[in-house]
Amino acid sequence: MFAQIPIRLNALVDGVLGTIGSVEYIIISGKFDETPLSVSQFHIANVSKENMAPLNTIFRKMLQLLCVLLLATCSASNQKPEIVLVGSTPGDELVKTMLTIHSETKVDFIRWNLILDDINAFVLDIDYGESRPNTLGFKGDGETKTFKGSFSVSKGSNFEEVYHLKSADFPTEIQIAKLNENVFHLLTSQSQMIVGNGGWSYSLNRKEPILSKEISISSKVAETQSLQLVYDGRTPCQEIANEHPEMGPTPSCFKIKWKLTLNRDSITYQPTTCTLRSIVDNQPRDISGKWEIMKGTATNPDAIIYKIKIDNLAEPILLLAGDDNVLFFLDKNNGLLTGNKDFSFTMNKRKDT
């Protein structure tokens, strides 16, 4: 003999208490946030219909627990992952002011470790001081500071996302532009990319890079009548070796020094020749070639890319123009290369050109 009695556990979920022979059971069904739920065949022994009121209470509590678990799962799936950015930047007066480092303190570079968590809070640890020659460290281990605060994200005129870091210990907010999921760059208070030097740039890199092919900035390059542009910088080594094995670095190579000179036609100002000096494993190499400007990629029509065709390299060197002053290395698929805590894949325009 089969009997079933409808019951209601809450406004969204109905149940059926029934019997098949001597086996009594409950079926719970309904929707949670438009997702069908079904918990069936809870077998209950030695329960009579007179005990339905206590049963309703039991299953109501079971349902509440189920909803809590589902909410926790949904919440976890919607959380933004923690972002950890690292990098080494120059220690000029602008950034020293941002980070409340005394103006008379001698700072060659600053090493950043920035954690952006999923509740819009951040922790920034910096080490800074004079560079110890022929090492990646500081004289006397340098000095340290820690800052804590909150951040917000906005859309900029040339950037899809700009992170605004605010702390009671900052004299003003720090702005960082997102170029893609792995590469970020510090901005001035006027939302311009900060220009580094031949040793370090103002780029920060995701400590654990993820797959990211997009470029989420619009290149801001002004028309210029300069006949020559000169950029320099230092980058990691092995990733470039993977892109251009003809450069032949040793397995122990950890940095490459670059100087790129771009020449223009004296009448049309169009790109003509270029020279590239790279110092790999302390061996300087001067090579020449030609360059051209490409506009747009498959995913970003506003990107401007400098294509450097060097005589003895099978593949061209591709550089994204962030603006007139800052260039970023790309891989052969137009993806941004991600640096590390010591060097970024960035070159900076020399101030005297």
Protein backbone atom coordinates (compact mmCIF):
# COMPACT_ATOMS: atom_id res chain seq x y z
CA MET A 1 0.00 0.00 0.00
CA PHE A 2 1.31 3.49 -0.91
CA ALA A 3 0.36 6.72 0.87
CA GLN A 4 1.85 10.21 0.69
CA ILE A 5 1.11 13.44 2.52
CA PRO A 6 2.35 16.81 1.22
CA ILE A 7 4.23 18.98 3.70
CA ARG A 8 5.76 22.45 3.45
CA LEU A 9 9.14 23.21 4.97
CA ASN A 10 9.44 26.83 3.88
CA ALA A 11 8.19 29.19 1.19
CA LEU A 12 10.47 27.77 -1.48
CA VAL A 13 10.68 24.10 -0.73
CA ASP A 14 7.91 21.51 -0.56
CA GLY A 15 8.18 17.97 0.63
CA VAL A 16 6.25 14.74 0.53
CA LEU A 17 6.09 12.33 3.43
CA GLY A 18 4.97 8.90 2.23
CA THR A 19 4.96 5.25 2.91
CA ILE A 20 5.55 2.25 0.72
CA GLY A 21 4.59 -0.77 2.73
CA SER A 22 6.34 -0.38 6.05
CA VAL A 23 9.07 2.00 4.76
CA GLU A 24 8.47 5.66 5.39
CA TYR A 25 10.38 8.33 3.52
CA ILE A 26 10.50 12.03 2.63
CA ILE A 27 11.24 13.70 -0.70
CA ILE A 28 12.39 17.32 -0.64
CA SER A 29 12.39 19.32 -3.84
CA GLY A 30 12.32 22.95 -4.91
CA LYS A 31 14.61 25.76 -6.06
CA PHE A 32 17.48 27.70 -4.50
CA ASP A 33 18.51 30.81 -6.44
CA GLU A 34 16.83 29.36 -9.56
CA THR A 35 18.80 26.12 -9.14
CA PRO A 36 16.67 22.95 -8.79
CA LEU A 37 17.24 21.02 -5.59
CA SER A 38 16.33 17.45 -4.93
CA VAL A 39 17.10 15.46 -1.83
CA SER A 40 15.20 12.22 -1.98
CA GLN A 41 14.60 8.95 -0.22
CA PHE A 42 15.50 9.84 3.34
CA HIS A 43 14.44 6.49 4.87
CA ILE A 44 13.01 6.77 8.34
CA ALA A 45 12.25 3.73 10.47
CA ASN A 46 9.62 3.47 13.17
CA VAL A 47 8.05 6.86 12.51
CA SER A 48 4.30 7.34 12.44
CA LYS A 49 2.24 10.06 10.86
CA GLU A 50 1.50 11.43 14.30
CA ASN A 51 5.17 12.46 14.50
CA MET A 52 5.06 14.65 11.43
CA ALA A 53 5.39 17.90 13.42
CA PRO A 54 8.76 16.90 14.90
CA LEU A 55 9.74 15.63 11.45
CA ASN A 56 8.95 19.00 9.92
CA THR A 57 11.24 20.66 12.46
CA ILE A 58 14.03 18.19 11.80
CA PHE A 59 13.87 18.56 8.05
CA ARG A 60 13.50 22.32 8.27
CA LYS A 61 16.81 22.41 10.13
CA MET A 62 18.31 20.03 7.59
CA LEU A 63 17.15 22.33 4.81
CA GLN A 64 18.60 25.38 6.55
CA LEU A 65 21.94 23.63 6.81
CA LEU A 66 21.76 22.71 3.13
CA CYS A 67 21.05 26.33 2.20
CA VAL A 68 23.96 27.56 4.32
CA LEU A 69 26.28 25.13 2.56
CA LEU A 70 25.01 26.23 -0.84
CA LEU A 71 25.42 29.88 0.08
CA ALA A 72 28.98 29.26 1.22
CA THR A 73 29.73 27.42 -2.00
CA CYS A 74 28.24 30.18 -4.16
CA SER A 75 30.05 32.84 -2.16
CA ALA A 76 33.38 31.04 -2.54
CA SER A 77 32.88 30.65 -6.27
CA ASN A 78 32.18 34.39 -6.62
CA GLN A 79 35.19 35.54 -4.57
CA LYS A 80 37.96 37.35 -6.39
CA PRO A 81 41.30 35.56 -6.11
CA GLU A 82 44.04 37.18 -4.08
CA ILE A 83 46.57 39.01 -6.25
CA VAL A 84 50.24 39.14 -5.20
CA LEU A 85 52.40 41.60 -7.15
CA VAL A 86 56.18 41.84 -6.93
CA GLY A 87 58.81 43.97 -8.59
CA SER A 88 61.71 46.34 -8.15
CA THR A 89 61.39 50.02 -9.02
CA PRO A 90 63.74 53.03 -8.96
CA GLY A 91 63.90 55.09 -5.79
CA ASP A 92 63.49 58.58 -7.18
CA GLU A 93 61.91 61.49 -5.34
CA LEU A 94 58.38 60.86 -6.63
CA VAL A 95 58.12 57.33 -5.29
CA LYS A 96 60.01 58.18 -2.11
CA THR A 97 57.33 60.78 -1.40
CA MET A 98 54.57 58.26 -2.14
CA LEU A 99 56.09 55.79 0.33
CA THR A 100 57.11 58.33 3.00
CA ILE A 101 60.82 57.61 2.60
CA HIS A 102 62.92 60.54 3.80
CA SER A 103 64.19 62.64 0.90
CA GLU A 104 67.80 62.44 2.12
CA THR A 105 67.79 58.63 2.25
CA LYS A 106 69.97 57.16 -0.48
CA VAL A 107 67.74 54.77 -2.46
CA ASP A 108 68.85 53.04 -5.65
CA PHE A 109 65.83 50.75 -5.86
CA ILE A 110 62.76 49.58 -3.97
CA ARG A 111 61.55 45.97 -3.91
CA TRP A 112 57.76 45.64 -3.66
CA ASN A 113 55.54 42.83 -2.39
CA LEU A 114 51.90 43.93 -2.71
CA ILE A 115 49.01 41.70 -1.67
CA LEU A 116 45.53 42.68 -2.90
CA ASP A 117 42.97 40.49 -1.14
CA ASP A 118 39.39 39.57 -2.02
CA ILE A 119 37.80 42.14 0.33
CA ASN A 120 39.55 45.18 -1.19
CA ALA A 121 42.25 45.40 1.46
CA PHE A 122 45.97 45.45 0.75
CA VAL A 123 49.30 44.88 2.49
CA LEU A 124 52.43 46.39 0.95
CA ASP A 125 55.91 45.38 2.12
CA ILE A 126 58.89 47.24 0.69
CA ASP A 127 62.65 46.83 1.05
CA TYR A 128 64.81 49.73 -0.08
CA GLY A 129 68.29 51.18 0.05
CA GLU A 130 71.55 51.30 -1.86
CA SER A 131 72.29 48.53 -4.29
CA ARG A 132 75.08 46.14 -3.34
CA PRO A 133 77.32 45.88 -6.44
CA ASN A 134 77.13 42.67 -8.48
CA THR A 135 74.23 41.31 -6.43
CA LEU A 136 70.44 41.63 -6.35
CA GLY A 137 70.48 42.85 -2.75
CA PHE A 138 71.05 45.97 -0.68
CA LYS A 139 74.02 47.27 1.25
CA GLY A 140 73.52 46.31 4.88
CA ASP A 141 70.30 44.48 3.90
CA GLY A 142 68.53 47.83 3.39
CA GLU A 143 65.48 49.14 5.24
CA THR A 144 61.88 47.96 5.34
CA LYS A 145 58.39 49.42 5.63
CA THR A 146 54.90 47.91 5.75
CA PHE A 147 51.70 49.66 4.74
CA LYS A 148 48.11 48.50 5.12
CA GLY A 149 44.96 49.97 3.68
CA SER A 150 42.12 49.54 1.24
CA PHE A 151 41.82 49.78 -2.51
CA SER A 152 39.19 50.47 -5.13
CA VAL A 153 39.16 49.89 -8.88
CA SER A 154 38.04 52.37 -11.53
CA LYS A 155 38.19 52.70 -15.31
CA GLY A 156 40.74 55.15 -16.65
CA SER A 157 40.90 57.03 -19.93
CA ASN A 158 43.54 54.64 -21.33
CA PHE A 159 43.21 51.73 -18.93
CA GLU A 160 40.43 49.23 -18.38
CA GLU A 161 41.28 49.06 -14.67
CA VAL A 162 43.15 51.40 -12.33
CA TYR A 163 43.76 50.31 -8.74
CA HIS A 164 43.63 53.10 -6.15
CA LEU A 165 45.53 52.27 -2.94
CA LYS A 166 44.66 54.32 0.12
CA SER A 167 46.33 54.16 3.52
CA ALA A 168 46.50 56.37 6.57
CA ASP A 169 50.28 56.21 6.12
CA PHE A 170 50.27 57.47 2.51
CA PRO A 171 50.34 61.22 1.87
CA THR A 172 48.11 60.55 -1.15
CA GLU A 173 46.68 57.52 -2.92
CA ILE A 174 48.88 55.33 -5.11
CA GLN A 175 47.52 54.48 -8.57
CA ILE A 176 48.46 51.31 -10.42
CA ALA A 177 47.25 50.52 -13.95
CA LYS A 178 46.46 46.95 -14.95
CA LEU A 179 47.90 46.01 -18.36
CA ASN A 180 46.66 42.42 -18.15
CA GLU A 181 46.17 39.85 -15.38
CA ASN A 182 49.94 39.59 -14.80
CA VAL A 183 51.50 43.00 -15.48
CA PHE A 184 50.71 46.29 -13.71
CA HIS A 185 52.36 49.71 -13.85
CA LEU A 186 52.56 52.60 -11.40
CA LEU A 187 50.98 55.92 -12.39
CA THR A 188 51.53 59.54 -11.47
CA SER A 189 48.78 61.55 -9.82
CA GLN A 190 47.89 62.71 -13.35
CA SER A 191 47.37 59.05 -14.38
CA GLN A 192 50.51 58.98 -16.54
CA MET A 193 52.85 56.01 -16.58
CA ILE A 194 55.86 56.65 -14.36
CA VAL A 195 59.09 56.46 -16.35
CA GLY A 196 61.90 54.35 -14.93
CA ASN A 197 65.57 54.26 -15.85
CA GLY A 198 68.15 51.92 -17.32
CA GLY A 199 68.23 49.81 -14.17
CA TRP A 200 64.62 49.43 -13.06
CA SER A 201 61.12 50.21 -14.25
CA TYR A 202 57.85 50.99 -12.48
CA SER A 203 56.16 47.75 -13.49
CA LEU A 204 54.89 45.16 -11.00
CA ASN A 205 54.40 41.51 -11.91
CA ARG A 206 52.06 38.82 -10.67
CA LYS A 207 54.10 36.51 -8.46
CA GLU A 208 52.30 33.42 -9.80
CA PRO A 209 51.35 34.31 -13.40
CA ILE A 210 48.12 33.00 -14.89
CA LEU A 211 47.15 32.56 -18.52
CA SER A 212 46.35 36.03 -19.87
CA LYS A 213 46.42 36.93 -23.55
CA GLU A 214 44.57 40.24 -23.51
CA ILE A 215 46.07 43.74 -23.41
CA SER A 216 43.74 45.97 -21.46
CA ILE A 217 45.22 49.40 -22.20
CA SER A 218 45.01 51.83 -25.09
CA SER A 219 48.43 52.95 -26.28
CA LYS A 220 48.84 56.69 -25.88
CA VAL A 221 51.50 57.74 -28.38
CA ALA A 222 51.68 61.33 -29.58
CA GLU A 223 52.78 62.41 -33.03
CA THR A 224 56.42 63.37 -32.75
CA GLN A 225 59.05 64.94 -34.99
CA SER A 226 61.94 63.46 -33.04
CA LEU A 227 64.36 61.86 -35.45
CA GLN A 228 65.74 59.49 -32.83
CA LEU A 229 64.26 57.77 -29.80
CA VAL A 230 66.38 55.90 -27.25
CA TYR A 231 65.08 53.38 -24.69
CA ASP A 232 66.95 51.26 -22.18
CA GLY A 233 66.30 48.88 -19.33
CA ARG A 234 67.03 45.51 -17.77
CA THR A 235 64.85 42.42 -18.11
CA PRO A 236 64.91 38.78 -17.01
CA CYS A 237 66.94 36.59 -19.30
CA GLN A 238 65.56 33.09 -19.83
CA GLU A 239 62.13 34.11 -21.15
CA ILE A 240 63.84 36.16 -23.87
CA ALA A 241 66.03 33.16 -24.62
CA ASN A 242 62.91 31.10 -25.21
CA GLU A 243 61.62 33.70 -27.67
CA HIS A 244 64.99 34.32 -29.35
CA PRO A 245 67.34 31.37 -28.83
CA GLU A 246 69.86 32.93 -31.26
CA MET A 247 70.87 35.28 -28.44
CA GLY A 248 72.49 32.25 -26.82
CA PRO A 249 72.42 33.03 -23.09
CA THR A 250 73.83 30.51 -20.67
CA PRO A 251 71.49 28.70 -18.24
CA SER A 252 72.82 30.89 -15.44
CA CYS A 253 71.89 34.16 -17.19
CA PHE A 254 69.32 36.05 -15.06
CA LYS A 255 69.24 39.52 -16.67
CA ILE A 256 69.79 41.28 -19.97
CA LYS A 257 70.72 44.94 -20.32
CA TRP A 258 69.15 46.72 -23.30
CA LYS A 259 69.63 49.91 -25.25
CA LEU A 260 67.32 50.42 -28.24
CA THR A 261 67.79 53.31 -30.67
CA LEU A 262 64.95 53.98 -33.13
CA ASN A 263 65.58 56.27 -36.10
CA ARG A 264 63.05 58.15 -38.26
CA ASP A 265 63.15 59.61 -41.73
CA SER A 266 64.12 63.29 -41.62
CA ILE A 267 61.31 64.30 -43.98
CA THR A 268 58.41 61.90 -43.39
CA TYR A 269 59.28 61.00 -39.77
CA GLN A 270 58.42 57.40 -40.60
CA PRO A 271 60.40 54.56 -38.95
CA THR A 272 63.62 53.61 -40.70
CA THR A 273 66.60 51.89 -39.07
CA CYS A 274 67.35 50.85 -35.53
CA THR A 275 70.25 49.59 -33.44
CA LEU A 276 70.03 47.28 -30.46
CA ARG A 277 72.68 46.78 -27.82
CA SER A 278 72.11 43.82 -25.53
CA ILE A 279 74.46 42.72 -22.78
CA VAL A 280 74.00 38.97 -22.23
CA ASP A 281 76.22 37.15 -19.74
CA ASN A 282 78.29 40.35 -19.52
CA GLN A 283 78.98 40.18 -23.25
CA PRO A 284 77.85 43.30 -25.17
CA ARG A 285 76.38 42.77 -28.61
CA ASP A 286 75.49 45.53 -31.06
CA ILE A 287 73.15 44.61 -33.89
CA SER A 288 71.18 46.64 -36.39
CA GLY A 289 67.94 46.32 -38.27
CA LYS A 290 64.72 48.09 -39.16
CA TRP A 291 61.54 48.86 -37.30
CA GLU A 292 57.92 49.53 -38.08
CA ILE A 293 54.76 50.52 -36.22
CA MET A 294 51.77 48.17 -36.12
CA LYS A 295 48.36 49.33 -34.94
CA GLY A 296 45.92 46.98 -33.26
CA THR A 297 45.94 43.31 -32.30
CA ALA A 298 43.33 40.58 -32.61
CA THR A 299 41.94 41.52 -29.18
CA ASN A 300 42.85 45.20 -28.85
CA PRO A 301 42.45 47.63 -31.78
CA ASP A 302 43.97 50.46 -29.71
CA ALA A 303 47.32 48.78 -29.05
CA ILE A 304 50.40 50.17 -30.80
CA ILE A 305 53.26 47.74 -31.28
CA TYR A 306 56.82 48.47 -32.38
CA LYS A 307 58.12 45.60 -34.51
CA ILE A 308 61.92 45.42 -34.33
CA LYS A 309 63.45 43.37 -37.16
CA ILE A 310 67.01 42.54 -36.21
CA ASP A 311 69.36 41.08 -38.81
CA ASN A 312 70.43 37.92 -36.98
CA LEU A 313 67.19 37.09 -35.14
CA ALA A 314 64.71 34.73 -36.79
CA GLU A 315 61.73 36.41 -35.10
CA PRO A 316 61.18 40.14 -34.58
CA ILE A 317 61.22 41.69 -31.14
CA LEU A 318 57.74 43.01 -30.35
CA LEU A 319 57.23 45.94 -27.99
CA LEU A 320 53.92 47.36 -26.80
CA ALA A 321 53.99 51.16 -26.58
CA GLY A 322 52.30 52.03 -23.30
CA ASP A 323 52.89 55.66 -24.19
CA ASP A 324 55.76 57.71 -25.62
CA ASN A 325 58.03 56.83 -22.72
CA VAL A 326 57.43 53.20 -21.70
CA LEU A 327 57.69 50.03 -23.82
CA PHE A 328 56.70 46.49 -22.80
CA PHE A 329 58.11 43.27 -24.28
CA LEU A 330 55.63 40.91 -25.95
CA ASP A 331 55.89 37.27 -26.89
CA LYS A 332 55.40 36.07 -30.48
CA ASN A 333 51.63 35.88 -29.87
CA ASN A 334 51.40 39.53 -28.73
CA GLY A 335 51.10 38.52 -25.07
CA LEU A 336 52.83 40.57 -22.39
CA LEU A 337 55.88 38.91 -20.83
CA THR A 338 55.73 38.71 -17.04
CA GLY A 339 58.77 39.70 -15.00
CA ASN A 340 59.79 38.80 -11.46
CA LYS A 341 60.70 40.47 -8.18
CA ASP A 342 63.97 41.78 -9.59
CA PHE A 343 63.29 42.85 -13.17
CA SER A 344 60.32 43.57 -15.43
CA PHE A 345 60.00 43.25 -19.20
CA THR A 346 59.95 47.01 -19.61
CA MET A 347 62.15 49.63 -21.27
CA ASN A 348 62.07 53.35 -20.51
CA LYS A 349 62.79 56.33 -22.73
CA ARG A 350 65.93 58.19 -21.88
CA LYS A 351 65.17 61.61 -20.56
CA ASP A 352 67.73 63.25 -22.87
CA THR A 353 65.99 62.09 -26.09
